[in-house]
Amino acid sequence: MEVWFTVQLTDAPGSLARVATALGERGVNITGIVGVAEDTDGALMLTTSDAVATREAFAALGLAFEEHDPTGSMEPETMTVGDLRPGAAGRGSLF
């Protein structure tokens, strides 16, 4: 089953590279990606080739994330940063 992961990125150079590197080191391919930025807030929503290894990579980074069922109501193309924040009303579950 495909899983969409959502993570908050810090407003600093290299924050996206840090996530991509952690995934790449585990042989995980990013198969889909949506990024949203508003002012200094940023969120990344992505699917990968290996959900288990993605969870492990995020845990190793100490990066909080949410998982979303792709059949749920979240449509990446219509989302805002507020929709992607952990704990947003009716949005996925925090792991």
PDB file of N, CA and C in Angstrom:
ATOM      1  N   MET A   1       0.836  -1.184   0.000  1.00  0.00           N
ATOM      2  CA  MET A   1       0.000   0.000   0.000  1.00  0.00           C
ATOM      3  C   MET A   1       0.880   1.247   0.000  1.00  0.00           C
ATOM      4  N   GLU A   2       0.554   2.192  -0.829  1.00  0.00           N
ATOM      5  CA  GLU A   2       1.277   3.454  -0.876  1.00  0.00           C
ATOM      6  C   GLU A   2       0.885   4.310   0.327  1.00  0.00           C
ATOM      7  N   VAL A   3       1.874   4.976   0.901  1.00  0.00           N
ATOM      8  CA  VAL A   3       1.658   5.850   2.053  1.00  0.00           C
ATOM      9  C   VAL A   3       2.220   7.219   1.726  1.00  0.00           C
ATOM     10  N   TRP A   4       1.456   8.253   2.026  1.00  0.00           N
ATOM     11  CA  TRP A   4       1.972   9.617   1.935  1.00  0.00           C
ATOM     12  C   TRP A   4       2.510   9.986   3.303  1.00  0.00           C
ATOM     13  N   PHE A   5       3.743  10.477   3.350  1.00  0.00           N
ATOM     14  CA  PHE A   5       4.357  10.969   4.579  1.00  0.00           C
ATOM     15  C   PHE A   5       4.383  12.488   4.529  1.00  0.00           C
ATOM     16  N   THR A   6       4.116  13.130   5.657  1.00  0.00           N
ATOM     17  CA  THR A   6       4.214  14.575   5.759  1.00  0.00           C
ATOM     18  C   THR A   6       5.202  14.932   6.853  1.00  0.00           C
ATOM     19  N   VAL A   7       6.153  15.802   6.532  1.00  0.00           N
ATOM     20  CA  VAL A   7       7.133  16.280   7.501  1.00  0.00           C
ATOM     21  C   VAL A   7       7.208  17.798   7.429  1.00  0.00           C
ATOM     22  N   GLN A   8       7.524  18.415   8.558  1.00  0.00           N
ATOM     23  CA  GLN A   8       7.774  19.848   8.605  1.00  0.00           C
ATOM     24  C   GLN A   8       9.262  20.064   8.398  1.00  0.00           C
ATOM     25  N   LEU A   9       9.610  21.013   7.567  1.00  0.00           N
ATOM     26  CA  LEU A   9      11.012  21.328   7.330  1.00  0.00           C
ATOM     27  C   LEU A   9      11.361  22.643   8.002  1.00  0.00           C
ATOM     28  N   THR A  10      12.566  22.712   8.552  1.00  0.00           N
ATOM     29  CA  THR A  10      13.014  23.961   9.131  1.00  0.00           C
ATOM     30  C   THR A  10      13.369  24.932   8.015  1.00  0.00           C
ATOM     31  N   ASP A  11      13.285  26.207   8.309  1.00  0.00           N
ATOM     32  CA  ASP A  11      13.614  27.247   7.341  1.00  0.00           C
ATOM     33  C   ASP A  11      15.118  27.490   7.392  1.00  0.00           C
ATOM     34  N   ALA A  12      15.855  26.526   6.831  1.00  0.00           N
ATOM     35  CA  ALA A  12      17.310  26.611   6.845  1.00  0.00           C
ATOM     36  C   ALA A  12      17.866  25.898   5.616  1.00  0.00           C
ATOM     37  N   PRO A  13      18.960  26.403   5.076  1.00  0.00           N
ATOM     38  CA  PRO A  13      19.577  25.730   3.940  1.00  0.00           C
ATOM     39  C   PRO A  13      19.919  24.279   4.293  1.00  0.00           C
ATOM     40  N   GLY A  14      19.597  23.375   3.381  1.00  0.00           N
ATOM     41  CA  GLY A  14      19.961  21.977   3.552  1.00  0.00           C
ATOM     42  C   GLY A  14      18.935  21.101   4.237  1.00  0.00           C
ATOM     43  N   SER A  15      17.812  21.673   4.703  1.00  0.00           N
ATOM     44  CA  SER A  15      16.838  20.844   5.418  1.00  0.00           C
ATOM     45  C   SER A  15      16.216  19.789   4.501  1.00  0.00           C
ATOM     46  N   LEU A  16      15.925  20.134   3.270  1.00  0.00           N
ATOM     47  CA  LEU A  16      15.407  19.154   2.316  1.00  0.00           C
ATOM     48  C   LEU A  16      16.503  18.143   1.949  1.00  0.00           C
ATOM     49  N   ALA A  17      17.717  18.621   1.774  1.00  0.00           N
ATOM     50  CA  ALA A  17      18.832  17.733   1.436  1.00  0.00           C
ATOM     51  C   ALA A  17      19.077  16.710   2.543  1.00  0.00           C
ATOM     52  N   ARG A  18      18.904  17.112   3.785  1.00  0.00           N
ATOM     53  CA  ARG A  18      19.101  16.200   4.913  1.00  0.00           C
ATOM     54  C   ARG A  18      18.121  15.037   4.835  1.00  0.00           C
ATOM     55  N   VAL A  19      16.851  15.327   4.507  1.00  0.00           N
ATOM     56  CA  VAL A  19      15.838  14.281   4.371  1.00  0.00           C
ATOM     57  C   VAL A  19      16.162  13.382   3.180  1.00  0.00           C
ATOM     58  N   ALA A  20      16.466  13.982   2.041  1.00  0.00           N
ATOM     59  CA  ALA A  20      16.765  13.201   0.838  1.00  0.00           C
ATOM     60  C   ALA A  20      18.008  12.325   1.034  1.00  0.00           C
ATOM     61  N   THR A  21      19.006  12.840   1.712  1.00  0.00           N
ATOM     62  CA  THR A  21      20.224  12.063   1.968  1.00  0.00           C
ATOM     63  C   THR A  21      19.934  10.867   2.868  1.00  0.00           C
ATOM     64  N   ALA A  22      19.163  11.081   3.924  1.00  0.00           N
ATOM     65  CA  ALA A  22      18.822   9.987   4.843  1.00  0.00           C
ATOM     66  C   ALA A  22      18.068   8.881   4.114  1.00  0.00           C
ATOM     67  N   LEU A  23      17.177   9.269   3.217  1.00  0.00           N
ATOM     68  CA  LEU A  23      16.448   8.264   2.433  1.00  0.00           C
ATOM     69  C   LEU A  23      17.382   7.557   1.461  1.00  0.00           C
ATOM     70  N   GLY A  24      18.196   8.323   0.748  1.00  0.00           N
ATOM     71  CA  GLY A  24      19.112   7.753  -0.226  1.00  0.00           C
ATOM     72  C   GLY A  24      20.104   6.780   0.394  1.00  0.00           C
ATOM     73  N   GLU A  25      20.575   7.084   1.587  1.00  0.00           N
ATOM     74  CA  GLU A  25      21.519   6.195   2.272  1.00  0.00           C
ATOM     75  C   GLU A  25      20.897   4.845   2.597  1.00  0.00           C
ATOM     76  N   ARG A  26      19.575   4.798   2.658  1.00  0.00           N
ATOM     77  CA  ARG A  26      18.865   3.549   2.933  1.00  0.00           C
ATOM     78  C   ARG A  26      18.325   2.919   1.653  1.00  0.00           C
ATOM     79  N   GLY A  27      18.693   3.463   0.502  1.00  0.00           N
ATOM     80  CA  GLY A  27      18.248   2.921  -0.774  1.00  0.00           C
ATOM     81  C   GLY A  27      16.784   3.195  -1.075  1.00  0.00           C
ATOM     82  N   VAL A  28      16.234   4.247  -0.468  1.00  0.00           N
ATOM     83  CA  VAL A  28      14.820   4.581  -0.651  1.00  0.00           C
ATOM     84  C   VAL A  28      14.681   5.613  -1.766  1.00  0.00           C
ATOM     85  N   ASN A  29      13.808   5.329  -2.709  1.00  0.00           N
ATOM     86  CA  ASN A  29      13.512   6.248  -3.805  1.00  0.00           C
ATOM     87  C   ASN A  29      12.296   7.088  -3.448  1.00  0.00           C
ATOM     88  N   ILE A  30      12.359   8.390  -3.684  1.00  0.00           N
ATOM     89  CA  ILE A  30      11.197   9.258  -3.528  1.00  0.00           C
ATOM     90  C   ILE A  30      10.376   9.118  -4.798  1.00  0.00           C
ATOM     91  N   THR A  31       9.145   8.606  -4.673  1.00  0.00           N
ATOM     92  CA  THR A  31       8.314   8.319  -5.843  1.00  0.00           C
ATOM     93  C   THR A  31       7.280   9.400  -6.126  1.00  0.00           C
ATOM     94  N   GLY A  32       7.048  10.273  -5.175  1.00  0.00           N
ATOM     95  CA  GLY A  32       6.129  11.392  -5.350  1.00  0.00           C
ATOM     96  C   GLY A  32       6.450  12.441  -4.307  1.00  0.00           C
ATOM     97  N   ILE A  33       6.317  13.715  -4.677  1.00  0.00           N
ATOM     98  CA  ILE A  33       6.672  14.774  -3.733  1.00  0.00           C
ATOM     99  C   ILE A  33       5.843  16.023  -3.987  1.00  0.00           C
ATOM    100  N   VAL A  34       5.403  16.649  -2.894  1.00  0.00           N
ATOM    101  CA  VAL A  34       4.697  17.925  -2.942  1.00  0.00           C
ATOM    102  C   VAL A  34       5.284  18.773  -1.828  1.00  0.00           C
ATOM    103  N   GLY A  35       5.684  19.974  -2.142  1.00  0.00           N
ATOM    104  CA  GLY A  35       6.202  20.882  -1.127  1.00  0.00           C
ATOM    105  C   GLY A  35       5.333  22.120  -1.059  1.00  0.00           C
ATOM    106  N   VAL A  36       5.135  22.603   0.155  1.00  0.00           N
ATOM    107  CA  VAL A  36       4.343  23.799   0.353  1.00  0.00           C
ATOM    108  C   VAL A  36       5.140  24.748   1.241  1.00  0.00           C
ATOM    109  N   ALA A  37       5.238  26.012   0.833  1.00  0.00           N
ATOM    110  CA  ALA A  37       5.933  27.006   1.643  1.00  0.00           C
ATOM    111  C   ALA A  37       5.069  28.249   1.746  1.00  0.00           C
ATOM    112  N   GLU A  38       4.953  28.753   2.966  1.00  0.00           N
ATOM    113  CA  GLU A  38       4.268  30.015   3.223  1.00  0.00           C
ATOM    114  C   GLU A  38       5.117  30.780   4.212  1.00  0.00           C
ATOM    115  N   ASP A  39       5.622  31.932   3.798  1.00  0.00           N
ATOM    116  CA  ASP A  39       6.539  32.716   4.615  1.00  0.00           C
ATOM    117  C   ASP A  39       7.723  31.839   5.014  1.00  0.00           C
ATOM    118  N   THR A  40       7.905  31.588   6.305  1.00  0.00           N
ATOM    119  CA  THR A  40       9.028  30.765   6.754  1.00  0.00           C
ATOM    120  C   THR A  40       8.599  29.363   7.133  1.00  0.00           C
ATOM    121  N   ASP A  41       7.313  29.021   6.983  1.00  0.00           N
ATOM    122  CA  ASP A  41       6.838  27.669   7.258  1.00  0.00           C
ATOM    123  C   ASP A  41       6.989  26.828   6.000  1.00  0.00           C
ATOM    124  N   GLY A  42       7.303  25.566   6.203  1.00  0.00           N
ATOM    125  CA  GLY A  42       7.404  24.673   5.059  1.00  0.00           C
ATOM    126  C   GLY A  42       7.021  23.270   5.446  1.00  0.00           C
ATOM    127  N   ALA A  43       6.422  22.577   4.518  1.00  0.00           N
ATOM    128  CA  ALA A  43       6.055  21.184   4.742  1.00  0.00           C
ATOM    129  C   ALA A  43       6.330  20.414   3.465  1.00  0.00           C
ATOM    130  N   LEU A  44       6.644  19.155   3.662  1.00  0.00           N
ATOM    131  CA  LEU A  44       6.938  18.271   2.548  1.00  0.00           C
ATOM    132  C   LEU A  44       6.041  17.052   2.671  1.00  0.00           C
ATOM    133  N   MET A  45       5.373  16.703   1.588  1.00  0.00           N
ATOM    134  CA  MET A  45       4.540  15.511   1.547  1.00  0.00           C
ATOM    135  C   MET A  45       5.125  14.630   0.457  1.00  0.00           C
ATOM    136  N   LEU A  46       5.409  13.350   0.814  1.00  0.00           N
ATOM    137  CA  LEU A  46       6.054  12.490  -0.166  1.00  0.00           C
ATOM    138  C   LEU A  46       5.640  11.035  -0.026  1.00  0.00           C
ATOM    139  N   THR A  47       5.807  10.309  -1.119  1.00  0.00           N
ATOM    140  CA  THR A  47       5.682   8.856  -1.127  1.00  0.00           C
ATOM    141  C   THR A  47       7.058   8.314  -1.471  1.00  0.00           C
ATOM    142  N   THR A  48       7.311   7.090  -1.023  1.00  0.00           N
ATOM    143  CA  THR A  48       8.618   6.494  -1.271  1.00  0.00           C
ATOM    144  C   THR A  48       8.467   5.039  -1.698  1.00  0.00           C
ATOM    145  N   SER A  49       9.579   4.469  -2.097  1.00  0.00           N
ATOM    146  CA  SER A  49       9.586   3.066  -2.531  1.00  0.00           C
ATOM    147  C   SER A  49       9.575   2.088  -1.364  1.00  0.00           C
ATOM    148  N   ASP A  50       9.808   2.570  -0.143  1.00  0.00           N
ATOM    149  CA  ASP A  50       9.896   1.679   1.016  1.00  0.00           C
ATOM    150  C   ASP A  50       9.433   2.421   2.269  1.00  0.00           C
ATOM    151  N   ALA A  51       8.182   2.177   2.675  1.00  0.00           N
ATOM    152  CA  ALA A  51       7.607   2.883   3.819  1.00  0.00           C
ATOM    153  C   ALA A  51       8.340   2.564   5.119  1.00  0.00           C
ATOM    154  N   VAL A  52       8.740   1.321   5.299  1.00  0.00           N
ATOM    155  CA  VAL A  52       9.430   0.926   6.539  1.00  0.00           C
ATOM    156  C   VAL A  52      10.764   1.660   6.664  1.00  0.00           C
ATOM    157  N   ALA A  53      11.550   1.657   5.604  1.00  0.00           N
ATOM    158  CA  ALA A  53      12.844   2.336   5.630  1.00  0.00           C
ATOM    159  C   ALA A  53      12.675   3.849   5.757  1.00  0.00           C
ATOM    160  N   THR A  54      11.586   4.388   5.217  1.00  0.00           N
ATOM    161  CA  THR A  54      11.309   5.818   5.354  1.00  0.00           C
ATOM    162  C   THR A  54      11.060   6.161   6.813  1.00  0.00           C
ATOM    163  N   ARG A  55      10.257   5.353   7.494  1.00  0.00           N
ATOM    164  CA  ARG A  55      10.021   5.571   8.925  1.00  0.00           C
ATOM    165  C   ARG A  55      11.333   5.530   9.705  1.00  0.00           C
ATOM    166  N   GLU A  56      12.188   4.567   9.367  1.00  0.00           N
ATOM    167  CA  GLU A  56      13.479   4.433  10.043  1.00  0.00           C
ATOM    168  C   GLU A  56      14.360   5.657   9.792  1.00  0.00           C
ATOM    169  N   ALA A  57      14.368   6.159   8.572  1.00  0.00           N
ATOM    170  CA  ALA A  57      15.170   7.340   8.234  1.00  0.00           C
ATOM    171  C   ALA A  57      14.683   8.554   9.011  1.00  0.00           C
ATOM    172  N   PHE A  58      13.369   8.737   9.065  1.00  0.00           N
ATOM    173  CA  PHE A  58      12.823   9.874   9.800  1.00  0.00           C
ATOM    174  C   PHE A  58      13.130   9.759  11.288  1.00  0.00           C
ATOM    175  N   ALA A  59      13.037   8.549  11.834  1.00  0.00           N
ATOM    176  CA  ALA A  59      13.343   8.335  13.253  1.00  0.00           C
ATOM    177  C   ALA A  59      14.816   8.649  13.525  1.00  0.00           C
ATOM    178  N   ALA A  60      15.702   8.231  12.639  1.00  0.00           N
ATOM    179  CA  ALA A  60      17.131   8.490  12.811  1.00  0.00           C
ATOM    180  C   ALA A  60      17.436   9.987  12.792  1.00  0.00           C
ATOM    181  N   LEU A  61      16.636  10.739  12.042  1.00  0.00           N
ATOM    182  CA  LEU A  61      16.806  12.195  11.984  1.00  0.00           C
ATOM    183  C   LEU A  61      16.120  12.901  13.150  1.00  0.00           C
ATOM    184  N   GLY A  62      15.299  12.168  13.907  1.00  0.00           N
ATOM    185  CA  GLY A  62      14.509  12.798  14.965  1.00  0.00           C
ATOM    186  C   GLY A  62      13.424  13.683  14.382  1.00  0.00           C
ATOM    187  N   LEU A  63      12.937  13.317  13.209  1.00  0.00           N
ATOM    188  CA  LEU A  63      11.984  14.120  12.452  1.00  0.00           C
ATOM    189  C   LEU A  63      10.571  13.611  12.673  1.00  0.00           C
ATOM    190  N   ALA A  64       9.707  14.445  13.235  1.00  0.00           N
ATOM    191  CA  ALA A  64       8.301  14.072  13.414  1.00  0.00           C
ATOM    192  C   ALA A  64       7.641  13.991  12.047  1.00  0.00           C
ATOM    193  N   PHE A  65       6.727  13.046  11.907  1.00  0.00           N
ATOM    194  CA  PHE A  65       6.048  12.891  10.626  1.00  0.00           C
ATOM    195  C   PHE A  65       4.646  12.349  10.852  1.00  0.00           C
ATOM    196  N   GLU A  66       3.819  12.500   9.835  1.00  0.00           N
ATOM    197  CA  GLU A  66       2.487  11.909   9.791  1.00  0.00           C
ATOM    198  C   GLU A  66       2.414  11.009   8.577  1.00  0.00           C
ATOM    199  N   GLU A  67       1.548  10.027   8.670  1.00  0.00           N
ATOM    200  CA  GLU A  67       1.274   9.155   7.525  1.00  0.00           C
ATOM    201  C   GLU A  67      -0.179   9.353   7.126  1.00  0.00           C
ATOM    202  N   HIS A  68      -0.422   9.306   5.817  1.00  0.00           N
ATOM    203  CA  HIS A  68      -1.757   9.526   5.293  1.00  0.00           C
ATOM    204  C   HIS A  68      -2.113   8.425   4.306  1.00  0.00           C
ATOM    205  N   ASP A  69      -3.308   7.945   4.412  1.00  0.00           N
ATOM    206  CA  ASP A  69      -3.845   6.965   3.472  1.00  0.00           C
ATOM    207  C   ASP A  69      -4.106   7.681   2.148  1.00  0.00           C
ATOM    208  N   PRO A  70      -3.564   7.187   1.049  1.00  0.00           N
ATOM    209  CA  PRO A  70      -3.758   7.876  -0.230  1.00  0.00           C
ATOM    210  C   PRO A  70      -5.203   7.886  -0.702  1.00  0.00           C
ATOM    211  N   THR A  71      -6.051   7.054  -0.115  1.00  0.00           N
ATOM    212  CA  THR A  71      -7.456   7.063  -0.505  1.00  0.00           C
ATOM    213  C   THR A  71      -8.268   8.021   0.353  1.00  0.00           C
ATOM    214  N   GLY A  72      -7.599   8.698   1.314  1.00  0.00           N
ATOM    215  CA  GLY A  72      -8.273   9.635   2.209  1.00  0.00           C
ATOM    216  C   GLY A  72      -8.597  10.930   1.505  1.00  0.00           C
ATOM    217  N   SER A  73      -8.963  11.934   2.289  1.00  0.00           N
ATOM    218  CA  SER A  73      -9.436  13.196   1.732  1.00  0.00           C
ATOM    219  C   SER A  73      -8.321  14.183   1.415  1.00  0.00           C
ATOM    220  N   MET A  74      -7.071  13.844   1.647  1.00  0.00           N
ATOM    221  CA  MET A  74      -5.990  14.792   1.396  1.00  0.00           C
ATOM    222  C   MET A  74      -5.589  14.766  -0.077  1.00  0.00           C
ATOM    223  N   GLU A  75      -5.789  15.831  -0.750  1.00  0.00           N
ATOM    224  CA  GLU A  75      -5.397  15.969  -2.143  1.00  0.00           C
ATOM    225  C   GLU A  75      -4.193  16.896  -2.195  1.00  0.00           C
ATOM    226  N   PRO A  76      -2.984  16.373  -2.459  1.00  0.00           N
ATOM    227  CA  PRO A  76      -1.774  17.183  -2.379  1.00  0.00           C
ATOM    228  C   PRO A  76      -1.833  18.488  -3.168  1.00  0.00           C
ATOM    229  N   GLU A  77      -2.463  18.480  -4.317  1.00  0.00           N
ATOM    230  CA  GLU A  77      -2.475  19.686  -5.149  1.00  0.00           C
ATOM    231  C   GLU A  77      -3.340  20.815  -4.592  1.00  0.00           C
ATOM    232  N   THR A  78      -4.176  20.547  -3.588  1.00  0.00           N
ATOM    233  CA  THR A  78      -5.044  21.583  -3.030  1.00  0.00           C
ATOM    234  C   THR A  78      -4.673  21.958  -1.605  1.00  0.00           C
ATOM    235  N   MET A  79      -3.539  21.486  -1.108  1.00  0.00           N
ATOM    236  CA  MET A  79      -3.189  21.653   0.291  1.00  0.00           C
ATOM    237  C   MET A  79      -2.411  22.930   0.569  1.00  0.00           C
ATOM    238  N   THR A  80      -2.478  23.368   1.825  1.00  0.00           N
ATOM    239  CA  THR A  80      -1.682  24.490   2.314  1.00  0.00           C
ATOM    240  C   THR A  80      -0.805  23.985   3.446  1.00  0.00           C
ATOM    241  N   VAL A  81       0.099  24.815   3.919  1.00  0.00           N
ATOM    242  CA  VAL A  81       0.953  24.427   5.037  1.00  0.00           C
ATOM    243  C   VAL A  81       0.109  24.041   6.241  1.00  0.00           C
ATOM    244  N   GLY A  82      -0.973  24.766   6.509  1.00  0.00           N
ATOM    245  CA  GLY A  82      -1.847  24.451   7.638  1.00  0.00           C
ATOM    246  C   GLY A  82      -2.406  23.044   7.565  1.00  0.00           C
ATOM    247  N   ASP A  83      -2.709  22.567   6.374  1.00  0.00           N
ATOM    248  CA  ASP A  83      -3.214  21.203   6.203  1.00  0.00           C
ATOM    249  C   ASP A  83      -2.154  20.166   6.543  1.00  0.00           C
ATOM    250  N   LEU A  84      -0.905  20.514   6.352  1.00  0.00           N
ATOM    251  CA  LEU A  84       0.178  19.560   6.531  1.00  0.00           C
ATOM    252  C   LEU A  84       0.766  19.550   7.926  1.00  0.00           C
ATOM    253  N   ARG A  85       0.368  20.499   8.769  1.00  0.00           N
ATOM    254  CA  ARG A  85       0.906  20.531  10.121  1.00  0.00           C
ATOM    255  C   ARG A  85       0.441  19.322  10.904  1.00  0.00           C
ATOM    256  N   PRO A  86       1.338  18.696  11.671  1.00  0.00           N
ATOM    257  CA  PRO A  86       0.921  17.567  12.490  1.00  0.00           C
ATOM    258  C   PRO A  86      -0.258  17.951  13.382  1.00  0.00           C
ATOM    259  N   GLY A  87      -1.242  17.058  13.414  1.00  0.00           N
ATOM    260  CA  GLY A  87      -2.414  17.278  14.243  1.00  0.00           C
ATOM    261  C   GLY A  87      -3.488  18.157  13.617  1.00  0.00           C
ATOM    262  N   ALA A  88      -3.331  18.536  12.337  1.00  0.00           N
ATOM    263  CA  ALA A  88      -4.361  19.341  11.683  1.00  0.00           C
ATOM    264  C   ALA A  88      -5.680  18.578  11.738  1.00  0.00           C
ATOM    265  N   ALA A  89      -6.760  19.256  12.011  1.00  0.00           N
ATOM    266  CA  ALA A  89      -8.065  18.629  12.218  1.00  0.00           C
ATOM    267  C   ALA A  89      -8.414  17.681  11.089  1.00  0.00           C
ATOM    268  N   GLY A  90      -8.685  16.431  11.457  1.00  0.00           N
ATOM    269  CA  GLY A  90      -9.123  15.439  10.481  1.00  0.00           C
ATOM    270  C   GLY A  90      -8.072  14.984   9.510  1.00  0.00           C
ATOM    271  N   ARG A  91      -6.818  15.217   9.806  1.00  0.00           N
ATOM    272  CA  ARG A  91      -5.760  14.919   8.849  1.00  0.00           C
ATOM    273  C   ARG A  91      -4.847  13.826   9.358  1.00  0.00           C
ATOM    274  N   GLY A  92      -5.051  12.618   8.893  1.00  0.00           N
ATOM    275  CA  GLY A  92      -4.130  11.532   9.185  1.00  0.00           C
ATOM    276  C   GLY A  92      -3.944  11.263  10.655  1.00  0.00           C
ATOM    277  N   SER A  93      -2.914  10.506  10.969  1.00  0.00           N
ATOM    278  CA  SER A  93      -2.603  10.210  12.354  1.00  0.00           C
ATOM    279  C   SER A  93      -1.117  10.368  12.575  1.00  0.00           C
ATOM    280  N   LEU A  94      -0.748  10.850  13.735  1.00  0.00           N
ATOM    281  CA  LEU A  94       0.642  11.067  14.067  1.00  0.00           C
ATOM    282  C   LEU A  94       1.282   9.772  14.521  1.00  0.00           C
ATOM    283  N   PHE A  95       2.439   9.437  13.968  1.00  0.00           N
ATOM    284  CA  PHE A  95       3.159   8.218  14.343  1.00  0.00           C
ATOM    285  C   PHE A  95       4.466   8.580  14.989  1.00  0.00           C
TER     286      PHE A  95
END
